[in-house]
Amino acid sequence: MERKADIDVGTQTKWILGEDVPGVSYTMGQSVRVVSGPHAGRRGELISLYSLYPEPLFHLESSENEDFRVYQSEIKLDDA
């Protein structure tokens, strides 16, 4: 069974609106590429912020229409 997001609604709303969330470097809808971890080499769009601890964890929709979670340290902005 999949767990629910570990952040409160207020933080999620701030992130969705593009407002500053301490420790979070990316915003909703940004295109990123995965540079490390089990999904390295994949590209996609950030669609939700799942957790802040131990580091920001995002839900990413890949360009292959697959969804998975990635840590902030595993991604970079996609400049392609």
PDB file of N, CA and C in Angstrom:
ATOM      1  N   MET A   1       0.835  -1.188   0.000  1.00  0.00           N
ATOM      2  CA  MET A   1       0.000   0.000   0.000  1.00  0.00           C
ATOM      3  C   MET A   1       0.876   1.247   0.000  1.00  0.00           C
ATOM      4  N   GLU A   2       0.533   2.209  -0.809  1.00  0.00           N
ATOM      5  CA  GLU A   2       1.315   3.431  -0.933  1.00  0.00           C
ATOM      6  C   GLU A   2       0.966   4.400   0.190  1.00  0.00           C
ATOM      7  N   ARG A   3       2.000   4.985   0.793  1.00  0.00           N
ATOM      8  CA  ARG A   3       1.782   5.956   1.868  1.00  0.00           C
ATOM      9  C   ARG A   3       1.353   7.293   1.310  1.00  0.00           C
ATOM     10  N   LYS A   4       0.669   8.054   2.157  1.00  0.00           N
ATOM     11  CA  LYS A   4       0.292   9.418   1.788  1.00  0.00           C
ATOM     12  C   LYS A   4       1.500  10.322   1.992  1.00  0.00           C
ATOM     13  N   ALA A   5       1.443  11.498   1.391  1.00  0.00           N
ATOM     14  CA  ALA A   5       2.533  12.460   1.517  1.00  0.00           C
ATOM     15  C   ALA A   5       2.768  12.814   2.978  1.00  0.00           C
ATOM     16  N   ASP A   6       4.037  13.019   3.312  1.00  0.00           N
ATOM     17  CA  ASP A   6       4.428  13.321   4.684  1.00  0.00           C
ATOM     18  C   ASP A   6       4.558  14.822   4.954  1.00  0.00           C
ATOM     19  N   ILE A   7       3.906  15.652   4.164  1.00  0.00           N
ATOM     20  CA  ILE A   7       3.949  17.092   4.406  1.00  0.00           C
ATOM     21  C   ILE A   7       2.529  17.606   4.582  1.00  0.00           C
ATOM     22  N   ASP A   8       2.424  18.745   5.262  1.00  0.00           N
ATOM     23  CA  ASP A   8       1.097  19.298   5.510  1.00  0.00           C
ATOM     24  C   ASP A   8       0.568  20.021   4.269  1.00  0.00           C
ATOM     25  N   VAL A   9      -0.717  20.249   4.260  1.00  0.00           N
ATOM     26  CA  VAL A   9      -1.382  20.874   3.111  1.00  0.00           C
ATOM     27  C   VAL A   9      -0.832  22.273   2.846  1.00  0.00           C
ATOM     28  N   GLY A  10      -0.519  23.020   3.883  1.00  0.00           N
ATOM     29  CA  GLY A  10       0.008  24.370   3.703  1.00  0.00           C
ATOM     30  C   GLY A  10       1.336  24.378   2.963  1.00  0.00           C
ATOM     31  N   THR A  11       2.217  23.447   3.313  1.00  0.00           N
ATOM     32  CA  THR A  11       3.507  23.349   2.639  1.00  0.00           C
ATOM     33  C   THR A  11       3.319  22.914   1.195  1.00  0.00           C
ATOM     34  N   GLN A  12       2.459  21.939   0.975  1.00  0.00           N
ATOM     35  CA  GLN A  12       2.183  21.466  -0.388  1.00  0.00           C
ATOM     36  C   GLN A  12       1.620  22.611  -1.237  1.00  0.00           C
ATOM     37  N   THR A  13       0.711  23.399  -0.663  1.00  0.00           N
ATOM     38  CA  THR A  13       0.120  24.527  -1.384  1.00  0.00           C
ATOM     39  C   THR A  13       1.179  25.566  -1.737  1.00  0.00           C
ATOM     40  N   LYS A  14       2.058  25.892  -0.786  1.00  0.00           N
ATOM     41  CA  LYS A  14       3.142  26.842  -1.069  1.00  0.00           C
ATOM     42  C   LYS A  14       3.986  26.346  -2.230  1.00  0.00           C
ATOM     43  N   TRP A  15       4.318  25.054  -2.226  1.00  0.00           N
ATOM     44  CA  TRP A  15       5.146  24.488  -3.295  1.00  0.00           C
ATOM     45  C   TRP A  15       4.425  24.557  -4.639  1.00  0.00           C
ATOM     46  N   ILE A  16       3.151  24.225  -4.656  1.00  0.00           N
ATOM     47  CA  ILE A  16       2.365  24.270  -5.891  1.00  0.00           C
ATOM     48  C   ILE A  16       2.304  25.683  -6.454  1.00  0.00           C
ATOM     49  N   LEU A  17       2.201  26.673  -5.582  1.00  0.00           N
ATOM     50  CA  LEU A  17       2.116  28.071  -6.009  1.00  0.00           C
ATOM     51  C   LEU A  17       3.475  28.675  -6.350  1.00  0.00           C
ATOM     52  N   GLY A  18       4.541  27.903  -6.180  1.00  0.00           N
ATOM     53  CA  GLY A  18       5.875  28.394  -6.507  1.00  0.00           C
ATOM     54  C   GLY A  18       6.488  29.254  -5.420  1.00  0.00           C
ATOM     55  N   GLU A  19       5.905  29.220  -4.231  1.00  0.00           N
ATOM     56  CA  GLU A  19       6.446  29.979  -3.115  1.00  0.00           C
ATOM     57  C   GLU A  19       7.617  29.224  -2.495  1.00  0.00           C
ATOM     58  N   ASP A  20       8.449  29.950  -1.764  1.00  0.00           N
ATOM     59  CA  ASP A  20       9.640  29.360  -1.155  1.00  0.00           C
ATOM     60  C   ASP A  20       9.258  28.353  -0.074  1.00  0.00           C
ATOM     61  N   VAL A  21       9.819  27.166  -0.174  1.00  0.00           N
ATOM     62  CA  VAL A  21       9.726  26.150   0.873  1.00  0.00           C
ATOM     63  C   VAL A  21      11.168  25.872   1.279  1.00  0.00           C
ATOM     64  N   PRO A  22      11.547  26.188   2.528  1.00  0.00           N
ATOM     65  CA  PRO A  22      12.934  26.012   2.951  1.00  0.00           C
ATOM     66  C   PRO A  22      13.474  24.608   2.654  1.00  0.00           C
ATOM     67  N   GLY A  23      14.657  24.580   2.028  1.00  0.00           N
ATOM     68  CA  GLY A  23      15.321  23.327   1.713  1.00  0.00           C
ATOM     69  C   GLY A  23      14.912  22.693   0.396  1.00  0.00           C
ATOM     70  N   VAL A  24      13.905  23.264  -0.270  1.00  0.00           N
ATOM     71  CA  VAL A  24      13.403  22.702  -1.530  1.00  0.00           C
ATOM     72  C   VAL A  24      13.896  23.568  -2.688  1.00  0.00           C
ATOM     73  N   SER A  25      14.614  22.958  -3.622  1.00  0.00           N
ATOM     74  CA  SER A  25      15.235  23.698  -4.721  1.00  0.00           C
ATOM     75  C   SER A  25      14.407  23.743  -6.001  1.00  0.00           C
ATOM     76  N   TYR A  26      13.364  22.930  -6.092  1.00  0.00           N
ATOM     77  CA  TYR A  26      12.594  22.814  -7.333  1.00  0.00           C
ATOM     78  C   TYR A  26      11.128  23.136  -7.087  1.00  0.00           C
ATOM     79  N   THR A  27      10.432  23.516  -8.142  1.00  0.00           N
ATOM     80  CA  THR A  27       9.012  23.846  -8.042  1.00  0.00           C
ATOM     81  C   THR A  27       8.184  22.922  -8.932  1.00  0.00           C
ATOM     82  N   MET A  28       6.903  22.953  -8.703  1.00  0.00           N
ATOM     83  CA  MET A  28       5.982  22.115  -9.465  1.00  0.00           C
ATOM     84  C   MET A  28       6.094  22.415 -10.959  1.00  0.00           C
ATOM     85  N   GLY A  29       6.099  21.362 -11.755  1.00  0.00           N
ATOM     86  CA  GLY A  29       6.105  21.512 -13.210  1.00  0.00           C
ATOM     87  C   GLY A  29       7.477  21.651 -13.833  1.00  0.00           C
ATOM     88  N   GLN A  30       8.514  21.761 -13.019  1.00  0.00           N
ATOM     89  CA  GLN A  30       9.844  21.881 -13.609  1.00  0.00           C
ATOM     90  C   GLN A  30      10.251  20.575 -14.274  1.00  0.00           C
ATOM     91  N   SER A  31      10.932  20.696 -15.399  1.00  0.00           N
ATOM     92  CA  SER A  31      11.468  19.539 -16.105  1.00  0.00           C
ATOM     93  C   SER A  31      12.839  19.218 -15.541  1.00  0.00           C
ATOM     94  N   VAL A  32      13.035  17.961 -15.176  1.00  0.00           N
ATOM     95  CA  VAL A  32      14.291  17.534 -14.576  1.00  0.00           C
ATOM     96  C   VAL A  32      14.779  16.254 -15.240  1.00  0.00           C
ATOM     97  N   ARG A  33      16.053  15.983 -15.024  1.00  0.00           N
ATOM     98  CA  ARG A  33      16.606  14.689 -15.435  1.00  0.00           C
ATOM     99  C   ARG A  33      17.161  14.040 -14.180  1.00  0.00           C
ATOM    100  N   VAL A  34      17.042  12.746 -14.113  1.00  0.00           N
ATOM    101  CA  VAL A  34      17.516  11.989 -12.965  1.00  0.00           C
ATOM    102  C   VAL A  34      18.972  11.631 -13.224  1.00  0.00           C
ATOM    103  N   VAL A  35      19.858  12.051 -12.319  1.00  0.00           N
ATOM    104  CA  VAL A  35      21.299  11.868 -12.525  1.00  0.00           C
ATOM    105  C   VAL A  35      21.892  10.767 -11.663  1.00  0.00           C
ATOM    106  N   SER A  36      21.130  10.260 -10.696  1.00  0.00           N
ATOM    107  CA  SER A  36      21.611   9.155  -9.869  1.00  0.00           C
ATOM    108  C   SER A  36      20.418   8.389  -9.311  1.00  0.00           C
ATOM    109  N   GLY A  37      20.703   7.242  -8.734  1.00  0.00           N
ATOM    110  CA  GLY A  37      19.640   6.429  -8.161  1.00  0.00           C
ATOM    111  C   GLY A  37      19.061   5.458  -9.175  1.00  0.00           C
ATOM    112  N   PRO A  38      18.009   4.745  -8.781  1.00  0.00           N
ATOM    113  CA  PRO A  38      17.462   3.681  -9.631  1.00  0.00           C
ATOM    114  C   PRO A  38      16.842   4.153 -10.942  1.00  0.00           C
ATOM    115  N   HIS A  39      16.539   5.433 -11.044  1.00  0.00           N
ATOM    116  CA  HIS A  39      15.921   5.953 -12.266  1.00  0.00           C
ATOM    117  C   HIS A  39      16.861   6.846 -13.074  1.00  0.00           C
ATOM    118  N   ALA A  40      18.158   6.741 -12.826  1.00  0.00           N
ATOM    119  CA  ALA A  40      19.151   7.566 -13.518  1.00  0.00           C
ATOM    120  C   ALA A  40      18.982   7.469 -15.031  1.00  0.00           C
ATOM    121  N   GLY A  41      19.090   8.623 -15.676  1.00  0.00           N
ATOM    122  CA  GLY A  41      18.963   8.701 -17.127  1.00  0.00           C
ATOM    123  C   GLY A  41      17.561   9.054 -17.593  1.00  0.00           C
ATOM    124  N   ARG A  42      16.588   9.005 -16.701  1.00  0.00           N
ATOM    125  CA  ARG A  42      15.205   9.320 -17.070  1.00  0.00           C
ATOM    126  C   ARG A  42      14.979  10.822 -16.975  1.00  0.00           C
ATOM    127  N   ARG A  43      13.979  11.312 -17.676  1.00  0.00           N
ATOM    128  CA  ARG A  43      13.590  12.720 -17.646  1.00  0.00           C
ATOM    129  C   ARG A  43      12.109  12.797 -17.342  1.00  0.00           C
ATOM    130  N   GLY A  44      11.700  13.933 -16.796  1.00  0.00           N
ATOM    131  CA  GLY A  44      10.286  14.093 -16.525  1.00  0.00           C
ATOM    132  C   GLY A  44       9.969  15.431 -15.882  1.00  0.00           C
ATOM    133  N   GLU A  45       8.750  15.512 -15.369  1.00  0.00           N
ATOM    134  CA  GLU A  45       8.231  16.737 -14.773  1.00  0.00           C
ATOM    135  C   GLU A  45       7.830  16.463 -13.326  1.00  0.00           C
ATOM    136  N   LEU A  46       8.187  17.392 -12.440  1.00  0.00           N
ATOM    137  CA  LEU A  46       7.825  17.253 -11.034  1.00  0.00           C
ATOM    138  C   LEU A  46       6.340  17.568 -10.871  1.00  0.00           C
ATOM    139  N   ILE A  47       5.607  16.617 -10.287  1.00  0.00           N
ATOM    140  CA  ILE A  47       4.165  16.832 -10.155  1.00  0.00           C
ATOM    141  C   ILE A  47       3.685  16.947  -8.716  1.00  0.00           C
ATOM    142  N   SER A  48       4.514  16.552  -7.750  1.00  0.00           N
ATOM    143  CA  SER A  48       4.153  16.803  -6.353  1.00  0.00           C
ATOM    144  C   SER A  48       5.382  16.679  -5.457  1.00  0.00           C
ATOM    145  N   LEU A  49       5.270  17.336  -4.324  1.00  0.00           N
ATOM    146  CA  LEU A  49       6.287  17.250  -3.275  1.00  0.00           C
ATOM    147  C   LEU A  49       5.739  16.273  -2.253  1.00  0.00           C
ATOM    148  N   TYR A  50       6.456  15.200  -2.015  1.00  0.00           N
ATOM    149  CA  TYR A  50       5.962  14.111  -1.188  1.00  0.00           C
ATOM    150  C   TYR A  50       6.404  14.230   0.276  1.00  0.00           C
ATOM    151  N   SER A  51       7.658  14.591   0.495  1.00  0.00           N
ATOM    152  CA  SER A  51       8.207  14.632   1.844  1.00  0.00           C
ATOM    153  C   SER A  51       9.365  15.627   1.889  1.00  0.00           C
ATOM    154  N   LEU A  52       9.682  16.103   3.096  1.00  0.00           N
ATOM    155  CA  LEU A  52      10.820  17.001   3.273  1.00  0.00           C
ATOM    156  C   LEU A  52      11.998  16.333   3.964  1.00  0.00           C
ATOM    157  N   TYR A  53      11.781  15.220   4.632  1.00  0.00           N
ATOM    158  CA  TYR A  53      12.821  14.587   5.439  1.00  0.00           C
ATOM    159  C   TYR A  53      12.994  13.134   5.043  1.00  0.00           C
ATOM    160  N   PRO A  54      14.210  12.667   4.931  1.00  0.00           N
ATOM    161  CA  PRO A  54      15.462  13.325   5.303  1.00  0.00           C
ATOM    162  C   PRO A  54      15.913  14.392   4.304  1.00  0.00           C
ATOM    163  N   GLU A  55      15.330  14.373   3.106  1.00  0.00           N
ATOM    164  CA  GLU A  55      15.541  15.427   2.118  1.00  0.00           C
ATOM    165  C   GLU A  55      14.286  15.470   1.256  1.00  0.00           C
ATOM    166  N   PRO A  56      14.078  16.564   0.507  1.00  0.00           N
ATOM    167  CA  PRO A  56      12.878  16.630  -0.319  1.00  0.00           C
ATOM    168  C   PRO A  56      12.749  15.429  -1.263  1.00  0.00           C
ATOM    169  N   LEU A  57      11.554  14.882  -1.285  1.00  0.00           N
ATOM    170  CA  LEU A  57      11.232  13.735  -2.121  1.00  0.00           C
ATOM    171  C   LEU A  57      10.067  14.144  -3.012  1.00  0.00           C
ATOM    172  N   PHE A  58      10.256  13.996  -4.328  1.00  0.00           N
ATOM    173  CA  PHE A  58       9.268  14.442  -5.305  1.00  0.00           C
ATOM    174  C   PHE A  58       8.621  13.270  -6.033  1.00  0.00           C
ATOM    175  N   HIS A  59       7.439  13.499  -6.506  1.00  0.00           N
ATOM    176  CA  HIS A  59       6.751  12.567  -7.408  1.00  0.00           C
ATOM    177  C   HIS A  59       7.012  13.118  -8.809  1.00  0.00           C
ATOM    178  N   LEU A  60       7.591  12.301  -9.661  1.00  0.00           N
ATOM    179  CA  LEU A  60       7.974  12.715 -11.008  1.00  0.00           C
ATOM    180  C   LEU A  60       7.183  11.910 -12.032  1.00  0.00           C
ATOM    181  N   GLU A  61       6.668  12.583 -13.029  1.00  0.00           N
ATOM    182  CA  GLU A  61       6.035  11.902 -14.163  1.00  0.00           C
ATOM    183  C   GLU A  61       7.050  11.915 -15.293  1.00  0.00           C
ATOM    184  N   SER A  62       7.476  10.728 -15.719  1.00  0.00           N
ATOM    185  CA  SER A  62       8.535  10.640 -16.720  1.00  0.00           C
ATOM    186  C   SER A  62       8.010  10.925 -18.117  1.00  0.00           C
ATOM    187  N   SER A  63       8.935  11.169 -19.023  1.00  0.00           N
ATOM    188  CA  SER A  63       8.572  11.410 -20.418  1.00  0.00           C
ATOM    189  C   SER A  63       8.006  10.149 -21.060  1.00  0.00           C
ATOM    190  N   GLU A  64       8.181   9.000 -20.389  1.00  0.00           N
ATOM    191  CA  GLU A  64       7.605   7.732 -20.858  1.00  0.00           C
ATOM    192  C   GLU A  64       6.251   7.460 -20.199  1.00  0.00           C
ATOM    193  N   ASN A  65       5.675   8.500 -19.553  1.00  0.00           N
ATOM    194  CA  ASN A  65       4.386   8.413 -18.856  1.00  0.00           C
ATOM    195  C   ASN A  65       4.387   7.419 -17.706  1.00  0.00           C
ATOM    196  N   GLU A  66       5.497   7.307 -17.018  1.00  0.00           N
ATOM    197  CA  GLU A  66       5.587   6.504 -15.804  1.00  0.00           C
ATOM    198  C   GLU A  66       5.807   7.447 -14.631  1.00  0.00           C
ATOM    199  N   ASP A  67       5.263   7.102 -13.489  1.00  0.00           N
ATOM    200  CA  ASP A  67       5.422   7.904 -12.284  1.00  0.00           C
ATOM    201  C   ASP A  67       6.331   7.187 -11.297  1.00  0.00           C
ATOM    202  N   PHE A  68       7.193   7.960 -10.638  1.00  0.00           N
ATOM    203  CA  PHE A  68       8.025   7.412  -9.582  1.00  0.00           C
ATOM    204  C   PHE A  68       8.506   8.553  -8.707  1.00  0.00           C
ATOM    205  N   ARG A  69       9.113   8.200  -7.582  1.00  0.00           N
ATOM    206  CA  ARG A  69       9.614   9.203  -6.644  1.00  0.00           C
ATOM    207  C   ARG A  69      11.124   9.328  -6.769  1.00  0.00           C
ATOM    208  N   VAL A  70      11.584  10.559  -6.617  1.00  0.00           N
ATOM    209  CA  VAL A  70      13.023  10.837  -6.661  1.00  0.00           C
ATOM    210  C   VAL A  70      13.374  11.836  -5.570  1.00  0.00           C
ATOM    211  N   TYR A  71      14.562  11.648  -4.991  1.00  0.00           N
ATOM    212  CA  TYR A  71      15.070  12.611  -4.015  1.00  0.00           C
ATOM    213  C   TYR A  71      15.686  13.802  -4.744  1.00  0.00           C
ATOM    214  N   GLN A  72      15.671  14.925  -4.059  1.00  0.00           N
ATOM    215  CA  GLN A  72      16.229  16.144  -4.633  1.00  0.00           C
ATOM    216  C   GLN A  72      17.683  15.947  -5.070  1.00  0.00           C
ATOM    217  N   SER A  73      18.454  15.184  -4.306  1.00  0.00           N
ATOM    218  CA  SER A  73      19.863  14.967  -4.639  1.00  0.00           C
ATOM    219  C   SER A  73      20.054  14.100  -5.889  1.00  0.00           C
ATOM    220  N   GLU A  74      18.992  13.467  -6.374  1.00  0.00           N
ATOM    221  CA  GLU A  74      19.081  12.593  -7.543  1.00  0.00           C
ATOM    222  C   GLU A  74      18.737  13.304  -8.846  1.00  0.00           C
ATOM    223  N   ILE A  75      18.336  14.577  -8.786  1.00  0.00           N
ATOM    224  CA  ILE A  75      17.864  15.271  -9.981  1.00  0.00           C
ATOM    225  C   ILE A  75      18.594  16.576 -10.242  1.00  0.00           C
ATOM    226  N   LYS A  76      18.543  16.986 -11.491  1.00  0.00           N
ATOM    227  CA  LYS A  76      19.057  18.289 -11.944  1.00  0.00           C
ATOM    228  C   LYS A  76      18.037  18.860 -12.922  1.00  0.00           C
ATOM    229  N   LEU A  77      18.011  20.199 -13.048  1.00  0.00           N
ATOM    230  CA  LEU A  77      17.142  20.793 -14.072  1.00  0.00           C
ATOM    231  C   LEU A  77      17.514  20.250 -15.439  1.00  0.00           C
ATOM    232  N   ASP A  78      16.518  19.976 -16.229  1.00  0.00           N
ATOM    233  CA  ASP A  78      16.744  19.435 -17.581  1.00  0.00           C
ATOM    234  C   ASP A  78      16.880  20.606 -18.543  1.00  0.00           C
ATOM    235  N   ASP A  79      18.078  20.806 -19.062  1.00  0.00           N
ATOM    236  CA  ASP A  79      18.330  21.930 -19.965  1.00  0.00           C
ATOM    237  C   ASP A  79      18.236  21.503 -21.422  1.00  0.00           C
ATOM    238  N   ALA A  80      17.772  20.287 -21.678  1.00  0.00           N
ATOM    239  CA  ALA A  80      17.656  19.801 -23.059  1.00  0.00           C
ATOM    240  C   ALA A  80      16.412  20.352 -23.727  1.00  0.00           C
TER     241      ALA A  80
END
